[in-house]
Amino acid sequence: MAITINIYYTGEGGSAKKFAEEMVSSGVVDEIRAEEGNIRYEYFFHMDDKETVLLIDSWKDQSSLDKHHASPMMAKITKLRNKYDLHMKVERYVSDDAGVPSTDEKFIRK
């Protein structure tokens, strides 16, 4: 099982992209990726909405995510999020560990 959270950060005047860039350049992203239980922490830029950035954030389990939420990283993230006046839409997914069904395999080019 893994928990994946999609966070859509939205701001004005390119602030969401600036936030993501500062998260990377300040080293916060590397620190989060080094946390125990982190599987993925990546930003993506929206092709149709230049004011929105997507973060895909995956964790091994709820305990790992809870530790991350209680860590000093959250204060750093919150400070930057407030600096850039961002708003968030959050989606949460829990994997079933079943993998890709064989009926879907024919649609995947590897």
PDB file of N, CA and C in Angstrom:
ATOM      1  N   MET A   1       0.833  -1.183   0.000  1.00  0.00           N
ATOM      2  CA  MET A   1       0.000   0.000   0.000  1.00  0.00           C
ATOM      3  C   MET A   1       0.874   1.242   0.000  1.00  0.00           C
ATOM      4  N   ALA A   2       0.472   2.226  -0.752  1.00  0.00           N
ATOM      5  CA  ALA A   2       1.119   3.529  -0.726  1.00  0.00           C
ATOM      6  C   ALA A   2       0.025   4.593  -0.744  1.00  0.00           C
ATOM      7  N   ILE A   3       0.350   5.750  -0.198  1.00  0.00           N
ATOM      8  CA  ILE A   3      -0.576   6.879  -0.204  1.00  0.00           C
ATOM      9  C   ILE A   3       0.008   7.930  -1.131  1.00  0.00           C
ATOM     10  N   THR A   4      -0.788   8.345  -2.103  1.00  0.00           N
ATOM     11  CA  THR A   4      -0.358   9.379  -3.038  1.00  0.00           C
ATOM     12  C   THR A   4      -1.298  10.560  -2.911  1.00  0.00           C
ATOM     13  N   ILE A   5      -0.705  11.726  -2.780  1.00  0.00           N
ATOM     14  CA  ILE A   5      -1.471  12.958  -2.634  1.00  0.00           C
ATOM     15  C   ILE A   5      -1.120  13.872  -3.791  1.00  0.00           C
ATOM     16  N   ASN A   6      -2.135  14.284  -4.534  1.00  0.00           N
ATOM     17  CA  ASN A   6      -1.943  15.282  -5.576  1.00  0.00           C
ATOM     18  C   ASN A   6      -2.357  16.623  -4.978  1.00  0.00           C
ATOM     19  N   ILE A   7      -1.422  17.555  -4.971  1.00  0.00           N
ATOM     20  CA  ILE A   7      -1.725  18.892  -4.461  1.00  0.00           C
ATOM     21  C   ILE A   7      -1.578  19.872  -5.615  1.00  0.00           C
ATOM     22  N   TYR A   8      -2.669  20.564  -5.912  1.00  0.00           N
ATOM     23  CA  TYR A   8      -2.665  21.582  -6.955  1.00  0.00           C
ATOM     24  C   TYR A   8      -2.485  22.926  -6.266  1.00  0.00           C
ATOM     25  N   TYR A   9      -1.334  23.550  -6.457  1.00  0.00           N
ATOM     26  CA  TYR A   9      -1.052  24.868  -5.903  1.00  0.00           C
ATOM     27  C   TYR A   9      -1.422  25.911  -6.953  1.00  0.00           C
ATOM     28  N   THR A  10      -2.239  26.889  -6.561  1.00  0.00           N
ATOM     29  CA  THR A  10      -2.658  27.929  -7.490  1.00  0.00           C
ATOM     30  C   THR A  10      -2.425  29.297  -6.870  1.00  0.00           C
ATOM     31  N   GLY A  11      -1.903  30.195  -7.691  1.00  0.00           N
ATOM     32  CA  GLY A  11      -1.663  31.564  -7.252  1.00  0.00           C
ATOM     33  C   GLY A  11      -1.884  32.518  -8.406  1.00  0.00           C
ATOM     34  N   GLU A  12      -1.196  33.662  -8.333  1.00  0.00           N
ATOM     35  CA  GLU A  12      -1.303  34.673  -9.382  1.00  0.00           C
ATOM     36  C   GLU A  12       0.083  35.140  -9.779  1.00  0.00           C
ATOM     37  N   GLY A  13       0.220  35.567 -11.035  1.00  0.00           N
ATOM     38  CA  GLY A  13       1.474  36.154 -11.503  1.00  0.00           C
ATOM     39  C   GLY A  13       2.656  35.196 -11.491  1.00  0.00           C
ATOM     40  N   GLY A  14       2.378  33.913 -11.700  1.00  0.00           N
ATOM     41  CA  GLY A  14       3.458  32.930 -11.721  1.00  0.00           C
ATOM     42  C   GLY A  14       3.945  32.500 -10.358  1.00  0.00           C
ATOM     43  N   SER A  15       3.191  32.836  -9.306  1.00  0.00           N
ATOM     44  CA  SER A  15       3.655  32.550  -7.943  1.00  0.00           C
ATOM     45  C   SER A  15       3.752  31.052  -7.641  1.00  0.00           C
ATOM     46  N   ALA A  16       2.885  30.234  -8.228  1.00  0.00           N
ATOM     47  CA  ALA A  16       2.952  28.792  -7.959  1.00  0.00           C
ATOM     48  C   ALA A  16       4.254  28.205  -8.511  1.00  0.00           C
ATOM     49  N   LYS A  17       4.633  28.638  -9.692  1.00  0.00           N
ATOM     50  CA  LYS A  17       5.888  28.154 -10.288  1.00  0.00           C
ATOM     51  C   LYS A  17       7.082  28.656  -9.476  1.00  0.00           C
ATOM     52  N   LYS A  18       7.033  29.900  -9.032  1.00  0.00           N
ATOM     53  CA  LYS A  18       8.121  30.449  -8.207  1.00  0.00           C
ATOM     54  C   LYS A  18       8.244  29.683  -6.890  1.00  0.00           C
ATOM     55  N   PHE A  19       7.099  29.308  -6.308  1.00  0.00           N
ATOM     56  CA  PHE A  19       7.088  28.507  -5.088  1.00  0.00           C
ATOM     57  C   PHE A  19       7.801  27.180  -5.313  1.00  0.00           C
ATOM     58  N   ALA A  20       7.418  26.466  -6.374  1.00  0.00           N
ATOM     59  CA  ALA A  20       8.030  25.169  -6.666  1.00  0.00           C
ATOM     60  C   ALA A  20       9.525  25.326  -6.911  1.00  0.00           C
ATOM     61  N   GLU A  21       9.906  26.353  -7.630  1.00  0.00           N
ATOM     62  CA  GLU A  21      11.325  26.591  -7.901  1.00  0.00           C
ATOM     63  C   GLU A  21      12.097  26.861  -6.609  1.00  0.00           C
ATOM     64  N   GLU A  22      11.513  27.635  -5.684  1.00  0.00           N
ATOM     65  CA  GLU A  22      12.185  27.905  -4.416  1.00  0.00           C
ATOM     66  C   GLU A  22      12.219  26.665  -3.526  1.00  0.00           C
ATOM     67  N   MET A  23      11.176  25.849  -3.581  1.00  0.00           N
ATOM     68  CA  MET A  23      11.196  24.588  -2.829  1.00  0.00           C
ATOM     69  C   MET A  23      12.395  23.741  -3.259  1.00  0.00           C
ATOM     70  N   VAL A  24      12.672  23.712  -4.559  1.00  0.00           N
ATOM     71  CA  VAL A  24      13.790  22.933  -5.084  1.00  0.00           C
ATOM     72  C   VAL A  24      15.113  23.618  -4.758  1.00  0.00           C
ATOM     73  N   SER A  25      15.227  24.909  -5.084  1.00  0.00           N
ATOM     74  CA  SER A  25      16.515  25.606  -4.927  1.00  0.00           C
ATOM     75  C   SER A  25      16.941  25.757  -3.474  1.00  0.00           C
ATOM     76  N   SER A  26      15.983  25.788  -2.554  1.00  0.00           N
ATOM     77  CA  SER A  26      16.307  25.940  -1.129  1.00  0.00           C
ATOM     78  C   SER A  26      16.730  24.623  -0.480  1.00  0.00           C
ATOM     79  N   GLY A  27      16.525  23.523  -1.203  1.00  0.00           N
ATOM     80  CA  GLY A  27      16.886  22.216  -0.657  1.00  0.00           C
ATOM     81  C   GLY A  27      15.772  21.513   0.094  1.00  0.00           C
ATOM     82  N   VAL A  28      14.628  22.162   0.241  1.00  0.00           N
ATOM     83  CA  VAL A  28      13.518  21.546   0.977  1.00  0.00           C
ATOM     84  C   VAL A  28      13.068  20.261   0.296  1.00  0.00           C
ATOM     85  N   VAL A  29      12.986  20.270  -1.030  1.00  0.00           N
ATOM     86  CA  VAL A  29      12.542  19.076  -1.748  1.00  0.00           C
ATOM     87  C   VAL A  29      13.493  17.912  -1.493  1.00  0.00           C
ATOM     88  N   ASP A  30      14.781  18.157  -1.552  1.00  0.00           N
ATOM     89  CA  ASP A  30      15.751  17.089  -1.278  1.00  0.00           C
ATOM     90  C   ASP A  30      15.609  16.558   0.144  1.00  0.00           C
ATOM     91  N   GLU A  31      15.346  17.448   1.091  1.00  0.00           N
ATOM     92  CA  GLU A  31      15.155  17.019   2.481  1.00  0.00           C
ATOM     93  C   GLU A  31      13.913  16.136   2.613  1.00  0.00           C
ATOM     94  N   ILE A  32      12.849  16.504   1.933  1.00  0.00           N
ATOM     95  CA  ILE A  32      11.614  15.711   1.996  1.00  0.00           C
ATOM     96  C   ILE A  32      11.834  14.352   1.351  1.00  0.00           C
ATOM     97  N   ARG A  33      12.498  14.342   0.203  1.00  0.00           N
ATOM     98  CA  ARG A  33      12.764  13.068  -0.479  1.00  0.00           C
ATOM     99  C   ARG A  33      13.625  12.134   0.370  1.00  0.00           C
ATOM    100  N   ALA A  34      14.421  12.710   1.259  1.00  0.00           N
ATOM    101  CA  ALA A  34      15.291  11.895   2.123  1.00  0.00           C
ATOM    102  C   ALA A  34      14.563  11.375   3.364  1.00  0.00           C
ATOM    103  N   GLU A  35      13.360  11.869   3.622  1.00  0.00           N
ATOM    104  CA  GLU A  35      12.615  11.414   4.791  1.00  0.00           C
ATOM    105  C   GLU A  35      12.231   9.951   4.635  1.00  0.00           C
ATOM    106  N   GLU A  36      12.278   9.223   5.738  1.00  0.00           N
ATOM    107  CA  GLU A  36      11.908   7.815   5.725  1.00  0.00           C
ATOM    108  C   GLU A  36      10.458   7.657   5.290  1.00  0.00           C
ATOM    109  N   GLY A  37      10.228   6.796   4.338  1.00  0.00           N
ATOM    110  CA  GLY A  37       8.884   6.518   3.865  1.00  0.00           C
ATOM    111  C   GLY A  37       8.460   7.308   2.642  1.00  0.00           C
ATOM    112  N   ASN A  38       9.261   8.315   2.241  1.00  0.00           N
ATOM    113  CA  ASN A  38       8.893   9.065   1.041  1.00  0.00           C
ATOM    114  C   ASN A  38       9.213   8.239  -0.191  1.00  0.00           C
ATOM    115  N   ILE A  39       8.258   8.141  -1.076  1.00  0.00           N
ATOM    116  CA  ILE A  39       8.415   7.402  -2.322  1.00  0.00           C
ATOM    117  C   ILE A  39       8.625   8.354  -3.489  1.00  0.00           C
ATOM    118  N   ARG A  40       7.891   9.463  -3.474  1.00  0.00           N
ATOM    119  CA  ARG A  40       7.933  10.397  -4.612  1.00  0.00           C
ATOM    120  C   ARG A  40       7.550  11.784  -4.129  1.00  0.00           C
ATOM    121  N   TYR A  41       8.244  12.779  -4.674  1.00  0.00           N
ATOM    122  CA  TYR A  41       7.927  14.172  -4.381  1.00  0.00           C
ATOM    123  C   TYR A  41       8.348  14.965  -5.605  1.00  0.00           C
ATOM    124  N   GLU A  42       7.391  15.223  -6.512  1.00  0.00           N
ATOM    125  CA  GLU A  42       7.720  15.859  -7.787  1.00  0.00           C
ATOM    126  C   GLU A  42       6.683  16.900  -8.171  1.00  0.00           C
ATOM    127  N   TYR A  43       7.175  18.007  -8.727  1.00  0.00           N
ATOM    128  CA  TYR A  43       6.316  19.077  -9.224  1.00  0.00           C
ATOM    129  C   TYR A  43       6.157  18.969 -10.736  1.00  0.00           C
ATOM    130  N   PHE A  44       4.951  19.321 -11.206  1.00  0.00           N
ATOM    131  CA  PHE A  44       4.656  19.327 -12.635  1.00  0.00           C
ATOM    132  C   PHE A  44       3.943  20.635 -12.968  1.00  0.00           C
ATOM    133  N   PHE A  45       4.231  21.164 -14.143  1.00  0.00           N
ATOM    134  CA  PHE A  45       3.627  22.413 -14.575  1.00  0.00           C
ATOM    135  C   PHE A  45       2.477  22.134 -15.536  1.00  0.00           C
ATOM    136  N   HIS A  46       1.359  22.757 -15.256  1.00  0.00           N
ATOM    137  CA  HIS A  46       0.120  22.568 -16.005  1.00  0.00           C
ATOM    138  C   HIS A  46       0.237  23.233 -17.371  1.00  0.00           C
ATOM    139  N   MET A  47      -0.104  22.511 -18.424  1.00  0.00           N
ATOM    140  CA  MET A  47       0.006  23.062 -19.779  1.00  0.00           C
ATOM    141  C   MET A  47      -1.081  24.088 -20.089  1.00  0.00           C
ATOM    142  N   ASP A  48      -2.258  23.924 -19.513  1.00  0.00           N
ATOM    143  CA  ASP A  48      -3.377  24.804 -19.841  1.00  0.00           C
ATOM    144  C   ASP A  48      -3.608  25.910 -18.822  1.00  0.00           C
ATOM    145  N   ASP A  49      -3.076  25.740 -17.628  1.00  0.00           N
ATOM    146  CA  ASP A  49      -3.287  26.709 -16.551  1.00  0.00           C
ATOM    147  C   ASP A  49      -1.924  27.113 -15.994  1.00  0.00           C
ATOM    148  N   LYS A  50      -1.396  28.197 -16.468  1.00  0.00           N
ATOM    149  CA  LYS A  50      -0.049  28.644 -16.089  1.00  0.00           C
ATOM    150  C   LYS A  50       0.053  29.079 -14.628  1.00  0.00           C
ATOM    151  N   GLU A  51      -1.076  29.206 -13.941  1.00  0.00           N
ATOM    152  CA  GLU A  51      -1.075  29.634 -12.544  1.00  0.00           C
ATOM    153  C   GLU A  51      -1.195  28.461 -11.566  1.00  0.00           C
ATOM    154  N   THR A  52      -1.158  27.233 -12.085  1.00  0.00           N
ATOM    155  CA  THR A  52      -1.287  26.051 -11.236  1.00  0.00           C
ATOM    156  C   THR A  52      -0.085  25.131 -11.417  1.00  0.00           C
ATOM    157  N   VAL A  53       0.399  24.612 -10.294  1.00  0.00           N
ATOM    158  CA  VAL A  53       1.473  23.622 -10.273  1.00  0.00           C
ATOM    159  C   VAL A  53       0.946  22.407  -9.523  1.00  0.00           C
ATOM    160  N   LEU A  54       1.240  21.222 -10.048  1.00  0.00           N
ATOM    161  CA  LEU A  54       0.827  19.970  -9.413  1.00  0.00           C
ATOM    162  C   LEU A  54       2.011  19.352  -8.684  1.00  0.00           C
ATOM    163  N   LEU A  55       1.806  18.992  -7.437  1.00  0.00           N
ATOM    164  CA  LEU A  55       2.772  18.219  -6.671  1.00  0.00           C
ATOM    165  C   LEU A  55       2.217  16.809  -6.524  1.00  0.00           C
ATOM    166  N   ILE A  56       3.009  15.813  -6.923  1.00  0.00           N
ATOM    167  CA  ILE A  56       2.668  14.419  -6.655  1.00  0.00           C
ATOM    168  C   ILE A  56       3.573  13.977  -5.513  1.00  0.00           C
ATOM    169  N   ASP A  57       2.938  13.640  -4.404  1.00  0.00           N
ATOM    170  CA  ASP A  57       3.611  13.358  -3.144  1.00  0.00           C
ATOM    171  C   ASP A  57       3.173  11.971  -2.681  1.00  0.00           C
ATOM    172  N   SER A  58       4.095  10.994  -2.660  1.00  0.00           N
ATOM    173  CA  SER A  58       3.738   9.623  -2.289  1.00  0.00           C
ATOM    174  C   SER A  58       4.526   9.164  -1.074  1.00  0.00           C
ATOM    175  N   TRP A  59       3.834   8.397  -0.217  1.00  0.00           N
ATOM    176  CA  TRP A  59       4.410   7.900   1.028  1.00  0.00           C
ATOM    177  C   TRP A  59       4.119   6.419   1.195  1.00  0.00           C
ATOM    178  N   LYS A  60       5.000   5.736   1.870  1.00  0.00           N
ATOM    179  CA  LYS A  60       4.909   4.292   2.086  1.00  0.00           C
ATOM    180  C   LYS A  60       3.628   3.908   2.824  1.00  0.00           C
ATOM    181  N   ASP A  61       3.270   4.711   3.824  1.00  0.00           N
ATOM    182  CA  ASP A  61       2.098   4.404   4.638  1.00  0.00           C
ATOM    183  C   ASP A  61       1.679   5.654   5.413  1.00  0.00           C
ATOM    184  N   GLN A  62       0.564   5.537   6.144  1.00  0.00           N
ATOM    185  CA  GLN A  62       0.050   6.691   6.889  1.00  0.00           C
ATOM    186  C   GLN A  62       1.017   7.140   7.976  1.00  0.00           C
ATOM    187  N   SER A  63       1.693   6.206   8.602  1.00  0.00           N
ATOM    188  CA  SER A  63       2.655   6.548   9.649  1.00  0.00           C
ATOM    189  C   SER A  63       3.773   7.435   9.105  1.00  0.00           C
ATOM    190  N   SER A  64       4.282   7.105   7.935  1.00  0.00           N
ATOM    191  CA  SER A  64       5.333   7.928   7.303  1.00  0.00           C
ATOM    192  C   SER A  64       4.811   9.323   6.987  1.00  0.00           C
ATOM    193  N   LEU A  65       3.594   9.393   6.497  1.00  0.00           N
ATOM    194  CA  LEU A  65       2.992  10.686   6.180  1.00  0.00           C
ATOM    195  C   LEU A  65       2.761  11.502   7.452  1.00  0.00           C
ATOM    196  N   ASP A  66       2.312  10.848   8.521  1.00  0.00           N
ATOM    197  CA  ASP A  66       2.099  11.539   9.796  1.00  0.00           C
ATOM    198  C   ASP A  66       3.410  12.110  10.331  1.00  0.00           C
ATOM    199  N   LYS A  67       4.491  11.345  10.226  1.00  0.00           N
ATOM    200  CA  LYS A  67       5.808  11.832  10.672  1.00  0.00           C
ATOM    201  C   LYS A  67       6.238  13.043   9.851  1.00  0.00           C
ATOM    202  N   HIS A  68       5.992  12.988   8.555  1.00  0.00           N
ATOM    203  CA  HIS A  68       6.314  14.136   7.686  1.00  0.00           C
ATOM    204  C   HIS A  68       5.509  15.366   8.117  1.00  0.00           C
ATOM    205  N   HIS A  69       4.221  15.176   8.378  1.00  0.00           N
ATOM    206  CA  HIS A  69       3.375  16.306   8.793  1.00  0.00           C
ATOM    207  C   HIS A  69       3.806  16.890  10.135  1.00  0.00           C
ATOM    208  N   ALA A  70       4.426  16.086  10.974  1.00  0.00           N
ATOM    209  CA  ALA A  70       4.890  16.557  12.287  1.00  0.00           C
ATOM    210  C   ALA A  70       6.334  17.064  12.245  1.00  0.00           C
ATOM    211  N   SER A  71       6.971  16.989  11.086  1.00  0.00           N
ATOM    212  CA  SER A  71       8.383  17.357  10.969  1.00  0.00           C
ATOM    213  C   SER A  71       8.560  18.859  10.748  1.00  0.00           C
ATOM    214  N   PRO A  72       9.785  19.352  10.924  1.00  0.00           N
ATOM    215  CA  PRO A  72      10.079  20.765  10.645  1.00  0.00           C
ATOM    216  C   PRO A  72       9.855  21.143   9.176  1.00  0.00           C
ATOM    217  N   MET A  73       9.785  20.160   8.303  1.00  0.00           N
ATOM    218  CA  MET A  73       9.544  20.440   6.876  1.00  0.00           C
ATOM    219  C   MET A  73       8.231  21.179   6.667  1.00  0.00           C
ATOM    220  N   MET A  74       7.220  20.831   7.454  1.00  0.00           N
ATOM    221  CA  MET A  74       5.906  21.447   7.260  1.00  0.00           C
ATOM    222  C   MET A  74       5.949  22.944   7.527  1.00  0.00           C
ATOM    223  N   ALA A  75       6.739  23.372   8.496  1.00  0.00           N
ATOM    224  CA  ALA A  75       6.865  24.813   8.767  1.00  0.00           C
ATOM    225  C   ALA A  75       7.526  25.515   7.584  1.00  0.00           C
ATOM    226  N   LYS A  76       8.524  24.862   6.991  1.00  0.00           N
ATOM    227  CA  LYS A  76       9.202  25.451   5.821  1.00  0.00           C
ATOM    228  C   LYS A  76       8.241  25.546   4.640  1.00  0.00           C
ATOM    229  N   ILE A  77       7.479  24.482   4.420  1.00  0.00           N
ATOM    230  CA  ILE A  77       6.518  24.475   3.309  1.00  0.00           C
ATOM    231  C   ILE A  77       5.450  25.548   3.535  1.00  0.00           C
ATOM    232  N   THR A  78       4.923  25.615   4.747  1.00  0.00           N
ATOM    233  CA  THR A  78       3.878  26.592   5.063  1.00  0.00           C
ATOM    234  C   THR A  78       4.385  28.015   4.881  1.00  0.00           C
ATOM    235  N   LYS A  79       5.603  28.270   5.321  1.00  0.00           N
ATOM    236  CA  LYS A  79       6.182  29.608   5.173  1.00  0.00           C
ATOM    237  C   LYS A  79       6.272  30.008   3.700  1.00  0.00           C
ATOM    238  N   LEU A  80       6.757  29.098   2.866  1.00  0.00           N
ATOM    239  CA  LEU A  80       6.853  29.406   1.434  1.00  0.00           C
ATOM    240  C   LEU A  80       5.480  29.512   0.785  1.00  0.00           C
ATOM    241  N   ARG A  81       4.574  28.641   1.174  1.00  0.00           N
ATOM    242  CA  ARG A  81       3.215  28.700   0.621  1.00  0.00           C
ATOM    243  C   ARG A  81       2.568  30.042   0.945  1.00  0.00           C
ATOM    244  N   ASN A  82       2.763  30.528   2.166  1.00  0.00           N
ATOM    245  CA  ASN A  82       2.216  31.835   2.554  1.00  0.00           C
ATOM    246  C   ASN A  82       2.935  32.966   1.828  1.00  0.00           C
ATOM    247  N   LYS A  83       4.246  32.840   1.673  1.00  0.00           N
ATOM    248  CA  LYS A  83       5.034  33.853   0.956  1.00  0.00           C
ATOM    249  C   LYS A  83       4.468  34.087  -0.446  1.00  0.00           C
ATOM    250  N   TYR A  84       4.081  33.016  -1.114  1.00  0.00           N
ATOM    251  CA  TYR A  84       3.580  33.119  -2.480  1.00  0.00           C
ATOM    252  C   TYR A  84       2.055  33.170  -2.559  1.00  0.00           C
ATOM    253  N   ASP A  85       1.381  33.226  -1.402  1.00  0.00           N
ATOM    254  CA  ASP A  85      -0.071  33.364  -1.314  1.00  0.00           C
ATOM    255  C   ASP A  85      -0.797  32.319  -2.162  1.00  0.00           C
ATOM    256  N   LEU A  86      -0.455  31.057  -1.930  1.00  0.00           N
ATOM    257  CA  LEU A  86      -1.015  29.977  -2.725  1.00  0.00           C
ATOM    258  C   LEU A  86      -2.239  29.353  -2.068  1.00  0.00           C
ATOM    259  N   HIS A  87      -3.116  28.864  -2.915  1.00  0.00           N
ATOM    260  CA  HIS A  87      -4.288  28.111  -2.484  1.00  0.00           C
ATOM    261  C   HIS A  87      -4.127  26.693  -3.006  1.00  0.00           C
ATOM    262  N   MET A  88      -4.785  25.747  -2.349  1.00  0.00           N
ATOM    263  CA  MET A  88      -4.553  24.343  -2.663  1.00  0.00           C
ATOM    264  C   MET A  88      -5.853  23.587  -2.900  1.00  0.00           C
ATOM    265  N   LYS A  89      -5.780  22.654  -3.824  1.00  0.00           N
ATOM    266  CA  LYS A  89      -6.809  21.631  -4.006  1.00  0.00           C
ATOM    267  C   LYS A  89      -6.073  20.308  -3.804  1.00  0.00           C
ATOM    268  N   VAL A  90      -6.623  19.414  -2.983  1.00  0.00           N
ATOM    269  CA  VAL A  90      -5.927  18.182  -2.617  1.00  0.00           C
ATOM    270  C   VAL A  90      -6.767  16.964  -2.981  1.00  0.00           C
ATOM    271  N   GLU A  91      -6.105  15.994  -3.608  1.00  0.00           N
ATOM    272  CA  GLU A  91      -6.704  14.691  -3.896  1.00  0.00           C
ATOM    273  C   GLU A  91      -5.821  13.633  -3.242  1.00  0.00           C
ATOM    274  N   ARG A  92      -6.439  12.640  -2.642  1.00  0.00           N
ATOM    275  CA  ARG A  92      -5.691  11.591  -1.938  1.00  0.00           C
ATOM    276  C   ARG A  92      -6.082  10.230  -2.502  1.00  0.00           C
ATOM    277  N   TYR A  93      -5.067   9.401  -2.777  1.00  0.00           N
ATOM    278  CA  TYR A  93      -5.286   8.069  -3.340  1.00  0.00           C
ATOM    279  C   TYR A  93      -4.500   7.042  -2.534  1.00  0.00           C
ATOM    280  N   VAL A  94      -5.094   5.873  -2.342  1.00  0.00           N
ATOM    281  CA  VAL A  94      -4.421   4.767  -1.674  1.00  0.00           C
ATOM    282  C   VAL A  94      -4.316   3.637  -2.690  1.00  0.00           C
ATOM    283  N   SER A  95      -3.082   3.155  -2.915  1.00  0.00           N
ATOM    284  CA  SER A  95      -2.883   2.098  -3.902  1.00  0.00           C
ATOM    285  C   SER A  95      -3.393   0.767  -3.370  1.00  0.00           C
ATOM    286  N   ASP A  96      -3.772  -0.101  -4.288  1.00  0.00           N
ATOM    287  CA  ASP A  96      -4.260  -1.411  -3.880  1.00  0.00           C
ATOM    288  C   ASP A  96      -3.210  -2.507  -4.062  1.00  0.00           C
ATOM    289  N   ASP A  97      -2.034  -2.152  -4.529  1.00  0.00           N
ATOM    290  CA  ASP A  97      -0.918  -3.076  -4.731  1.00  0.00           C
ATOM    291  C   ASP A  97      -1.231  -4.190  -5.713  1.00  0.00           C
ATOM    292  N   ALA A  98      -2.317  -4.114  -6.432  1.00  0.00           N
ATOM    293  CA  ALA A  98      -2.673  -5.155  -7.390  1.00  0.00           C
ATOM    294  C   ALA A  98      -1.921  -4.987  -8.708  1.00  0.00           C
ATOM    295  N   GLY A  99      -1.381  -3.803  -8.932  1.00  0.00           N
ATOM    296  CA  GLY A  99      -0.692  -3.560 -10.198  1.00  0.00           C
ATOM    297  C   GLY A  99      -1.674  -3.261 -11.309  1.00  0.00           C
ATOM    298  N   VAL A 100      -1.154  -3.171 -12.510  1.00  0.00           N
ATOM    299  CA  VAL A 100      -1.974  -2.873 -13.676  1.00  0.00           C
ATOM    300  C   VAL A 100      -2.678  -4.150 -14.121  1.00  0.00           C
ATOM    301  N   PRO A 101      -4.010  -4.116 -14.265  1.00  0.00           N
ATOM    302  CA  PRO A 101      -4.725  -5.314 -14.718  1.00  0.00           C
ATOM    303  C   PRO A 101      -4.266  -5.736 -16.116  1.00  0.00           C
ATOM    304  N   SER A 102      -4.287  -7.015 -16.365  1.00  0.00           N
ATOM    305  CA  SER A 102      -3.846  -7.531 -17.665  1.00  0.00           C
ATOM    306  C   SER A 102      -4.686  -6.957 -18.801  1.00  0.00           C
ATOM    307  N   THR A 103      -5.944  -6.621 -18.532  1.00  0.00           N
ATOM    308  CA  THR A 103      -6.807  -6.041 -19.569  1.00  0.00           C
ATOM    309  C   THR A 103      -6.342  -4.642 -19.978  1.00  0.00           C
ATOM    310  N   ASP A 104      -5.577  -3.963 -19.115  1.00  0.00           N
ATOM    311  CA  ASP A 104      -5.059  -2.629 -19.425  1.00  0.00           C
ATOM    312  C   ASP A 104      -3.664  -2.673 -20.042  1.00  0.00           C
ATOM    313  N   GLU A 105      -2.963  -3.763 -19.887  1.00  0.00           N
ATOM    314  CA  GLU A 105      -1.581  -3.884 -20.356  1.00  0.00           C
ATOM    315  C   GLU A 105      -1.424  -3.571 -21.837  1.00  0.00           C
ATOM    316  N   LYS A 106      -2.409  -3.957 -22.658  1.00  0.00           N
ATOM    317  CA  LYS A 106      -2.301  -3.748 -24.116  1.00  0.00           C
ATOM    318  C   LYS A 106      -2.282  -2.261 -24.482  1.00  0.00           C
ATOM    319  N   PHE A 107      -2.660  -1.393 -23.560  1.00  0.00           N
ATOM    320  CA  PHE A 107      -2.671   0.039 -23.826  1.00  0.00           C
ATOM    321  C   PHE A 107      -1.407   0.741 -23.371  1.00  0.00           C
ATOM    322  N   ILE A 108      -0.505  -0.003 -22.773  1.00  0.00           N
ATOM    323  CA  ILE A 108       0.714   0.581 -22.199  1.00  0.00           C
ATOM    324  C   ILE A 108       1.910   0.225 -23.053  1.00  0.00           C
ATOM    325  N   ARG A 109       2.593   1.208 -23.540  1.00  0.00           N
ATOM    326  CA  ARG A 109       3.809   0.995 -24.317  1.00  0.00           C
ATOM    327  C   ARG A 109       4.991   1.131 -23.391  1.00  0.00           C
ATOM    328  N   LYS A 110       5.793   0.109 -23.322  1.00  0.00           N
ATOM    329  CA  LYS A 110       6.955   0.114 -22.423  1.00  0.00           C
ATOM    330  C   LYS A 110       8.226   0.265 -23.204  1.00  0.00           C
TER     331      LYS A 110
END
